[in-house]
Amino acid sequence: MNVKDFDFDLPQELIAQDPLEDRSSSRLLVMDKKTGELEHRIFRDITEYLRPGDCLVINDTKVIPARLFGVKEDTQAKIEVLLLKRRENDIWETLVKPGKKCRPGTVIVFGEGLLKGTVVDVVDEGNRLIQFSYEGIFEEILDQLGQMPLPPYITHQLKDKNRYQTVYAKHEGSAAAPTAGLHFTPELLQQIQDMGVKIARVTLHVGLGTFRPVKVENVLDHHMHSEFYVVEEEEAKKVNDTKAAGGRVICVGTTSCRTVESASTEDGILKAGSGWTEIFIYPGYQFKILDCLITNFHLPESTLVMLVSALAGREHVLHAYQEAIQERYRFFSFGDAMFIYDKAHNVND
């Protein structure tokens, strides 16, 4: 399976730079995963495709303002630091630019001394381990000094930090948003619950590996980054009860999908627990939990396009993407959405 099999040409102007004022007014491309048939809708129409007894799985991770700008203590050279994952106490694995200037022992000063970081080690892929020192509460200082780590393809400044959070974001720890969830408003979620659809919350802290290009020709040679997930007992029960009663499990985003597929047994039981996952889903994968997927439009040759292709078939997905391009859908994090389902199984009983 060659990475080029998942390539497509995307006009630059279709990359959404700003979120829409009304989250639920994004467009929605609905696709039957069996036939590839497409419908053009608005996101809030998602309720027409849900039914009582379904379970919507959402990822309630919260993005931290993980991008910090500082200076080297000795030379005052400008340094950019991106927090990737907390190792222990105040040591974080980070991405540092320019990395060459930050050997172990380098001290970086942020916010005129409000926060200091000392490089203690260089690890995989040139990432730096930095030990932070400060007075007060780290999260509060980060909120004051940090910026949202928007993906590299978004060049506009974000006016409101909350627009790169889902309305249900709760547990801090992500370096990127679970963007399929950005389309939901509290009102829409309430409407869905009132219909008799369960909402199960899981947590997967999204790493920046999400945006890393696949650098190998053979898809099978690609090594996925690891991400931390949590599934609580009560939430696992909602999913398992839904499956047992013949309802559908609808994951909001590839992150929710990776969480439930990582935490399930071979016979499709979702287990409560936490851990690190490096799951890589590509065509040929047999889904154990997920029935339907709500997702945004993804980068060419990305692991996310491969995941969507595993669910609906590469040819169907690439055809849908061509149609989306033709119809001027908005792509990537602040863009429009897709709903992928099996139409034959969607008739209300």
Protein backbone atom coordinates (compact mmCIF):
# COMPACT_ATOMS: atom_id res chain seq x y z
CA MET A 1 0.00 0.00 0.00
CA ASN A 2 1.72 3.15 -1.24
CA VAL A 3 1.32 6.51 0.48
CA LYS A 4 0.71 8.06 -2.97
CA ASP A 5 -2.55 6.06 -3.14
CA PHE A 6 -3.95 8.61 -0.67
CA ASP A 7 -2.86 11.76 -2.48
CA PHE A 8 -5.11 14.42 -4.01
CA ASP A 9 -4.70 18.01 -5.21
CA LEU A 10 -6.17 20.58 -2.87
CA PRO A 11 -6.41 24.26 -3.89
CA GLN A 12 -4.76 26.36 -1.18
CA GLU A 13 -7.78 28.69 -0.92
CA LEU A 14 -9.98 25.83 0.37
CA ILE A 15 -7.97 25.53 3.58
CA ALA A 16 -10.20 27.21 6.19
CA GLN A 17 -8.28 29.91 8.05
CA ASP A 18 -11.01 31.05 10.46
CA PRO A 19 -13.85 29.32 12.32
CA LEU A 20 -17.43 30.14 11.31
CA GLU A 21 -19.40 32.34 13.69
CA ASP A 22 -22.05 29.64 14.19
CA ARG A 23 -20.32 26.31 14.82
CA SER A 24 -23.23 24.19 13.58
CA SER A 25 -23.63 26.07 10.27
CA SER A 26 -20.67 24.28 8.65
CA ARG A 27 -21.48 22.19 5.62
CA LEU A 28 -21.88 18.44 5.98
CA LEU A 29 -21.06 15.94 3.25
CA VAL A 30 -22.99 12.75 4.02
CA MET A 31 -21.58 9.53 2.54
CA ASP A 32 -22.98 6.01 2.40
CA LYS A 33 -19.90 3.91 3.14
CA LYS A 34 -21.23 0.94 1.14
CA THR A 35 -22.16 2.70 -2.13
CA GLY A 36 -20.24 5.99 -1.91
CA GLU A 37 -23.50 7.91 -2.52
CA LEU A 38 -23.23 11.54 -1.39
CA GLU A 39 -25.62 14.16 0.02
CA HIS A 40 -24.90 17.84 0.69
CA ARG A 41 -26.30 19.11 4.00
CA ILE A 42 -25.65 21.59 6.83
CA PHE A 43 -24.01 20.24 10.00
CA ARG A 44 -27.02 20.77 12.26
CA ASP A 45 -28.93 18.35 9.94
CA ILE A 46 -26.92 15.56 11.59
CA THR A 47 -29.98 14.97 13.80
CA GLU A 48 -31.81 13.58 10.75
CA TYR A 49 -29.28 10.76 10.55
CA LEU A 50 -29.31 9.84 14.24
CA ARG A 51 -31.93 7.73 15.95
CA PRO A 52 -32.95 6.74 19.49
CA GLY A 53 -30.68 4.02 20.84
CA ASP A 54 -27.56 5.32 19.09
CA CYS A 55 -24.49 6.39 21.07
CA LEU A 56 -22.41 9.41 20.14
CA VAL A 57 -18.81 9.13 21.38
CA ILE A 58 -17.07 12.47 21.98
CA ASN A 59 -13.48 13.24 22.99
CA ASP A 60 -13.53 15.71 25.88
CA THR A 61 -9.82 16.57 25.83
CA LYS A 62 -8.92 20.23 26.21
CA VAL A 63 -6.20 21.94 24.18
CA ILE A 64 -3.57 23.68 26.26
CA PRO A 65 -2.08 26.98 25.00
CA ALA A 66 1.09 25.01 24.31
CA ARG A 67 3.06 27.46 22.13
CA LEU A 68 5.49 29.60 24.12
CA PHE A 69 7.82 32.35 22.89
CA GLY A 70 10.94 33.10 24.94
CA VAL A 71 14.59 34.08 24.77
CA LYS A 72 17.84 32.35 25.68
CA GLU A 73 18.97 33.67 29.04
CA ASP A 74 22.57 34.24 27.92
CA THR A 75 22.23 35.60 24.35
CA GLN A 76 18.60 36.81 24.25
CA ALA A 77 18.15 34.83 21.00
CA LYS A 78 14.45 34.21 20.28
CA ILE A 79 13.21 30.66 20.91
CA GLU A 80 9.83 29.05 20.23
CA VAL A 81 8.77 26.09 22.39
CA LEU A 82 5.84 23.78 21.76
CA LEU A 83 4.75 21.58 24.68
CA LEU A 84 4.06 18.05 23.44
CA LYS A 85 3.56 15.90 26.53
CA ARG A 86 4.13 16.15 30.25
CA ARG A 87 6.68 13.56 31.37
CA GLU A 88 6.78 14.01 35.14
CA ASN A 89 6.34 16.92 37.52
CA ASP A 90 7.54 19.97 35.61
CA ILE A 91 9.44 18.16 32.86
CA TRP A 92 7.84 18.35 29.41
CA GLU A 93 8.77 16.84 26.08
CA THR A 94 8.86 19.77 23.65
CA LEU A 95 9.53 20.81 20.10
CA VAL A 96 12.01 23.70 20.06
CA LYS A 97 12.80 26.12 17.22
CA PRO A 98 15.63 26.65 16.45
CA GLY A 99 16.69 23.40 18.10
CA LYS A 100 20.41 23.79 17.35
CA LYS A 101 20.63 26.67 19.81
CA CYS A 102 19.14 24.63 22.64
CA ARG A 103 21.61 22.04 23.87
CA PRO A 104 21.24 20.49 27.36
CA GLY A 105 21.88 23.15 29.98
CA THR A 106 20.33 25.98 27.93
CA VAL A 107 18.01 28.21 29.97
CA ILE A 108 15.03 29.82 28.22
CA VAL A 109 13.16 32.74 29.78
CA PHE A 110 9.44 33.39 29.11
CA GLY A 111 7.32 36.39 30.08
CA GLU A 112 10.28 38.38 31.49
CA GLY A 113 11.06 35.64 34.00
CA LEU A 114 7.53 34.58 34.94
CA LEU A 115 8.53 31.15 33.62
CA LYS A 116 11.95 29.60 33.03
CA GLY A 117 12.85 26.37 31.26
CA THR A 118 16.10 24.41 31.33
CA VAL A 119 16.85 21.93 28.56
CA VAL A 120 17.78 18.66 30.32
CA ASP A 121 17.96 16.19 27.43
CA VAL A 122 17.51 15.62 23.69
CA VAL A 123 15.23 12.67 22.84
CA ASP A 124 13.56 11.08 19.78
CA GLU A 125 13.31 13.18 16.60
CA GLY A 126 15.32 15.97 18.22
CA ASN A 127 12.62 16.81 20.78
CA ARG A 128 13.88 18.49 23.95
CA LEU A 129 13.04 17.62 27.54
CA ILE A 130 12.64 20.90 29.40
CA GLN A 131 12.33 21.35 33.17
CA PHE A 132 10.23 24.40 34.02
CA SER A 133 10.55 26.56 37.13
CA TYR A 134 8.02 29.19 38.25
CA GLU A 135 6.08 30.54 41.21
CA GLY A 136 2.37 29.80 41.41
CA ILE A 137 0.31 27.43 39.25
CA PHE A 138 1.79 26.24 35.96
CA GLU A 139 -1.57 26.09 34.14
CA GLU A 140 -2.38 29.68 35.08
CA ILE A 141 1.02 30.92 33.87
CA LEU A 142 0.59 28.92 30.66
CA ASP A 143 -2.83 30.48 30.11
CA GLN A 144 -1.26 33.90 30.51
CA LEU A 145 1.81 33.37 28.29
CA GLY A 146 0.90 30.58 25.89
CA GLN A 147 -0.79 30.66 22.51
CA MET A 148 -2.99 28.00 20.92
CA PRO A 149 -0.84 25.59 18.88
CA LEU A 150 -2.74 25.99 15.63
CA PRO A 151 -1.77 23.62 12.80
CA PRO A 152 0.94 24.87 10.42
CA TYR A 153 -1.55 25.36 7.56
CA ILE A 154 -3.50 28.00 9.54
CA THR A 155 -1.77 31.35 9.09
CA HIS A 156 -4.42 33.67 10.57
CA GLN A 157 -4.22 34.74 14.21
CA LEU A 158 -7.01 33.22 16.32
CA LYS A 159 -9.07 36.02 17.92
CA ASP A 160 -10.80 33.84 20.53
CA LYS A 161 -8.89 30.93 22.13
CA ASN A 162 -12.15 29.11 22.83
CA ARG A 163 -12.86 28.65 19.12
CA TYR A 164 -10.10 26.02 19.00
CA GLN A 165 -11.86 24.11 21.79
CA THR A 166 -14.97 21.96 21.64
CA VAL A 167 -17.86 23.19 23.80
CA TYR A 168 -17.45 20.02 25.88
CA ALA A 169 -13.64 20.23 26.38
CA LYS A 170 -12.82 19.25 29.96
CA HIS A 171 -9.49 17.47 30.57
CA GLU A 172 -6.38 19.52 29.70
CA GLY A 173 -3.60 17.84 27.77
CA SER A 174 -3.92 18.16 23.99
CA ALA A 175 -1.52 19.85 21.60
CA ALA A 176 -4.26 19.93 18.93
CA ALA A 177 -8.06 20.02 18.96
CA PRO A 178 -10.28 17.04 18.13
CA THR A 179 -11.66 19.17 15.32
CA ALA A 180 -14.73 17.14 14.28
CA GLY A 181 -16.21 18.18 17.63
CA LEU A 182 -15.87 21.90 16.86
CA HIS A 183 -19.18 21.80 14.93
CA PHE A 184 -21.30 21.03 17.99
CA THR A 185 -23.09 23.67 20.06
CA PRO A 186 -24.56 23.01 23.54
CA GLU A 187 -28.04 23.36 21.97
CA LEU A 188 -27.34 20.77 19.28
CA LEU A 189 -25.94 18.31 21.84
CA GLN A 190 -29.04 18.81 24.00
CA GLN A 191 -31.30 18.22 21.00
CA ILE A 192 -29.42 14.98 20.25
CA GLN A 193 -29.79 13.77 23.85
CA ASP A 194 -33.48 14.67 23.86
CA MET A 195 -33.89 12.39 20.82
CA GLY A 196 -32.81 9.42 22.96
CA VAL A 197 -29.20 9.27 21.75
CA LYS A 198 -26.65 8.48 24.48
CA ILE A 199 -23.51 10.62 24.67
CA ALA A 200 -20.38 8.83 25.88
CA ARG A 201 -17.30 10.84 26.80
CA VAL A 202 -13.79 9.48 26.31
CA THR A 203 -10.48 11.34 26.54
CA LEU A 204 -7.57 11.15 24.12
CA HIS A 205 -4.91 13.82 24.35
CA VAL A 206 -4.13 14.63 20.74
CA GLY A 207 -0.43 14.86 19.89
CA LEU A 208 1.16 16.91 17.13
CA GLY A 209 1.98 13.66 15.36
CA THR A 210 -1.51 14.15 13.92
CA PHE A 211 0.02 16.71 11.54
CA ARG A 212 3.27 14.85 10.85
CA PRO A 213 3.51 13.76 7.24
CA VAL A 214 3.95 10.08 6.41
CA LYS A 215 7.56 10.00 5.24
CA VAL A 216 7.75 6.39 4.07
CA GLU A 217 6.57 5.09 0.70
CA ASN A 218 5.02 1.93 2.09
CA VAL A 219 2.17 2.80 4.46
CA LEU A 220 2.92 -0.29 6.56
CA ASP A 221 6.38 1.07 7.43
CA HIS A 222 4.93 4.17 9.11
CA HIS A 223 5.25 4.33 12.90
CA MET A 224 2.42 6.15 14.70
CA HIS A 225 3.06 8.59 17.55
CA SER A 226 1.69 7.57 20.95
CA GLU A 227 -1.24 9.34 22.61
CA PHE A 228 -2.67 8.98 26.12
CA TYR A 229 -6.32 7.95 26.51
CA VAL A 230 -8.82 7.39 29.31
CA VAL A 231 -12.13 5.48 29.20
CA GLU A 232 -14.23 5.60 32.37
CA GLU A 233 -16.35 2.63 33.48
CA GLU A 234 -19.66 4.48 33.12
CA GLU A 235 -18.84 5.65 29.58
CA ALA A 236 -17.72 2.18 28.48
CA LYS A 237 -21.05 0.83 29.75
CA LYS A 238 -22.99 3.29 27.55
CA VAL A 239 -21.13 2.04 24.48
CA ASN A 240 -21.42 -1.65 25.38
CA ASP A 241 -25.14 -1.32 26.22
CA THR A 242 -25.70 0.38 22.85
CA LYS A 243 -23.95 -2.44 20.98
CA ALA A 244 -25.84 -5.10 22.95
CA ALA A 245 -29.18 -3.46 22.13
CA GLY A 246 -28.37 -3.23 18.41
CA GLY A 247 -27.76 0.53 18.39
CA ARG A 248 -24.97 2.23 16.47
CA VAL A 249 -21.80 3.72 17.90
CA ILE A 250 -21.04 7.02 16.13
CA CYS A 251 -17.59 8.44 16.83
CA VAL A 252 -17.10 12.18 16.66
CA GLY A 253 -13.66 12.44 15.08
CA THR A 254 -10.76 10.15 14.39
CA THR A 255 -9.52 10.68 17.98
CA SER A 256 -12.70 9.18 19.51
CA CYS A 257 -12.43 6.38 16.96
CA ARG A 258 -8.80 5.62 17.87
CA THR A 259 -9.72 5.64 21.56
CA VAL A 260 -12.57 3.13 21.40
CA GLU A 261 -10.76 0.90 18.92
CA SER A 262 -7.64 0.90 21.15
CA ALA A 263 -9.58 0.12 24.32
CA SER A 264 -11.75 -2.67 22.95
CA THR A 265 -11.39 -6.45 22.99
CA GLU A 266 -11.28 -8.48 19.77
CA ASP A 267 -14.95 -9.38 20.21
CA GLY A 268 -16.04 -5.74 20.44
CA ILE A 269 -16.33 -5.00 24.16
CA LEU A 270 -15.10 -1.56 25.24
CA LYS A 271 -12.90 -1.82 28.34
CA ALA A 272 -12.59 0.94 30.92
CA GLY A 273 -9.01 2.00 31.63
CA SER A 274 -6.20 4.28 30.52
CA GLY A 275 -2.94 3.96 28.65
CA TRP A 276 -0.94 4.94 25.60
CA THR A 277 -2.06 4.00 22.11
CA GLU A 278 -0.12 3.87 18.85
CA ILE A 279 -3.01 2.39 16.88
CA PHE A 280 -2.70 2.88 13.12
CA ILE A 281 -5.92 2.30 11.19
CA TYR A 282 -5.66 1.87 7.41
CA PRO A 283 -7.59 -0.08 4.74
CA GLY A 284 -8.00 -3.71 5.73
CA TYR A 285 -8.64 -2.86 9.40
CA GLN A 286 -11.74 -4.48 10.91
CA PHE A 287 -13.58 -2.02 13.18
CA LYS A 288 -14.58 -3.57 16.50
CA ILE A 289 -16.71 -0.76 17.99
CA LEU A 290 -17.27 2.07 15.51
CA ASP A 291 -20.26 1.95 13.14
CA CYS A 292 -20.37 5.55 11.84
CA LEU A 293 -17.97 8.49 11.85
CA ILE A 294 -18.28 12.27 11.94
CA THR A 295 -15.01 13.76 10.71
CA ASN A 296 -13.47 16.79 9.00
CA PHE A 297 -11.62 16.75 5.68
CA HIS A 298 -7.99 15.72 6.11
CA LEU A 299 -4.55 16.34 4.61
CA PRO A 300 -3.49 14.43 1.49
CA GLU A 301 -1.38 11.32 2.26
CA SER A 302 -2.19 11.62 5.99
CA THR A 303 -2.88 8.77 8.42
CA LEU A 304 -6.32 10.33 8.93
CA VAL A 305 -7.29 9.94 5.27
CA MET A 306 -6.11 6.33 5.62
CA LEU A 307 -8.36 5.82 8.67
CA VAL A 308 -11.39 7.21 6.83
CA SER A 309 -10.53 4.99 3.84
CA ALA A 310 -10.46 1.95 6.15
CA LEU A 311 -14.10 2.68 6.99
CA ALA A 312 -15.51 3.67 3.61
CA GLY A 313 -12.99 2.48 1.01
CA ARG A 314 -10.21 4.51 -0.58
CA GLU A 315 -12.02 5.04 -3.89
CA HIS A 316 -15.24 6.24 -2.22
CA VAL A 317 -13.26 8.61 0.01
CA LEU A 318 -11.15 10.11 -2.77
CA HIS A 319 -14.27 10.54 -4.92
CA ALA A 320 -16.02 12.31 -2.01
CA TYR A 321 -12.98 14.58 -1.56
CA GLN A 322 -13.04 15.46 -5.28
CA GLU A 323 -16.72 16.35 -4.98
CA ALA A 324 -15.98 18.45 -1.86
CA ILE A 325 -13.26 20.32 -3.75
CA GLN A 326 -15.58 20.88 -6.71
CA GLU A 327 -18.32 22.17 -4.38
CA ARG A 328 -15.83 24.43 -2.56
CA TYR A 329 -16.10 22.81 0.86
CA ARG A 330 -13.74 24.20 3.51
CA PHE A 331 -10.92 21.83 4.51
CA PHE A 332 -9.01 20.84 7.66
CA SER A 333 -9.35 22.03 11.28
CA PHE A 334 -11.75 24.97 10.87
CA GLY A 335 -13.38 23.44 7.80
CA ASP A 336 -16.55 21.50 7.03
CA ALA A 337 -17.49 17.95 8.05
CA MET A 338 -18.38 14.52 6.72
CA PHE A 339 -20.77 11.94 8.13
CA ILE A 340 -19.97 8.40 7.03
CA TYR A 341 -22.64 5.75 7.67
CA ASP A 342 -24.38 2.72 6.23
CA LYS A 343 -27.58 4.04 4.65
CA ALA A 344 -29.16 0.58 4.46
CA HIS A 345 -28.99 0.35 8.27
CA ASN A 346 -30.33 3.84 8.86
CA VAL A 347 -34.06 3.26 8.40
CA ASN A 348 -35.89 3.86 11.64
CA ASP A 349 -37.37 0.71 13.10
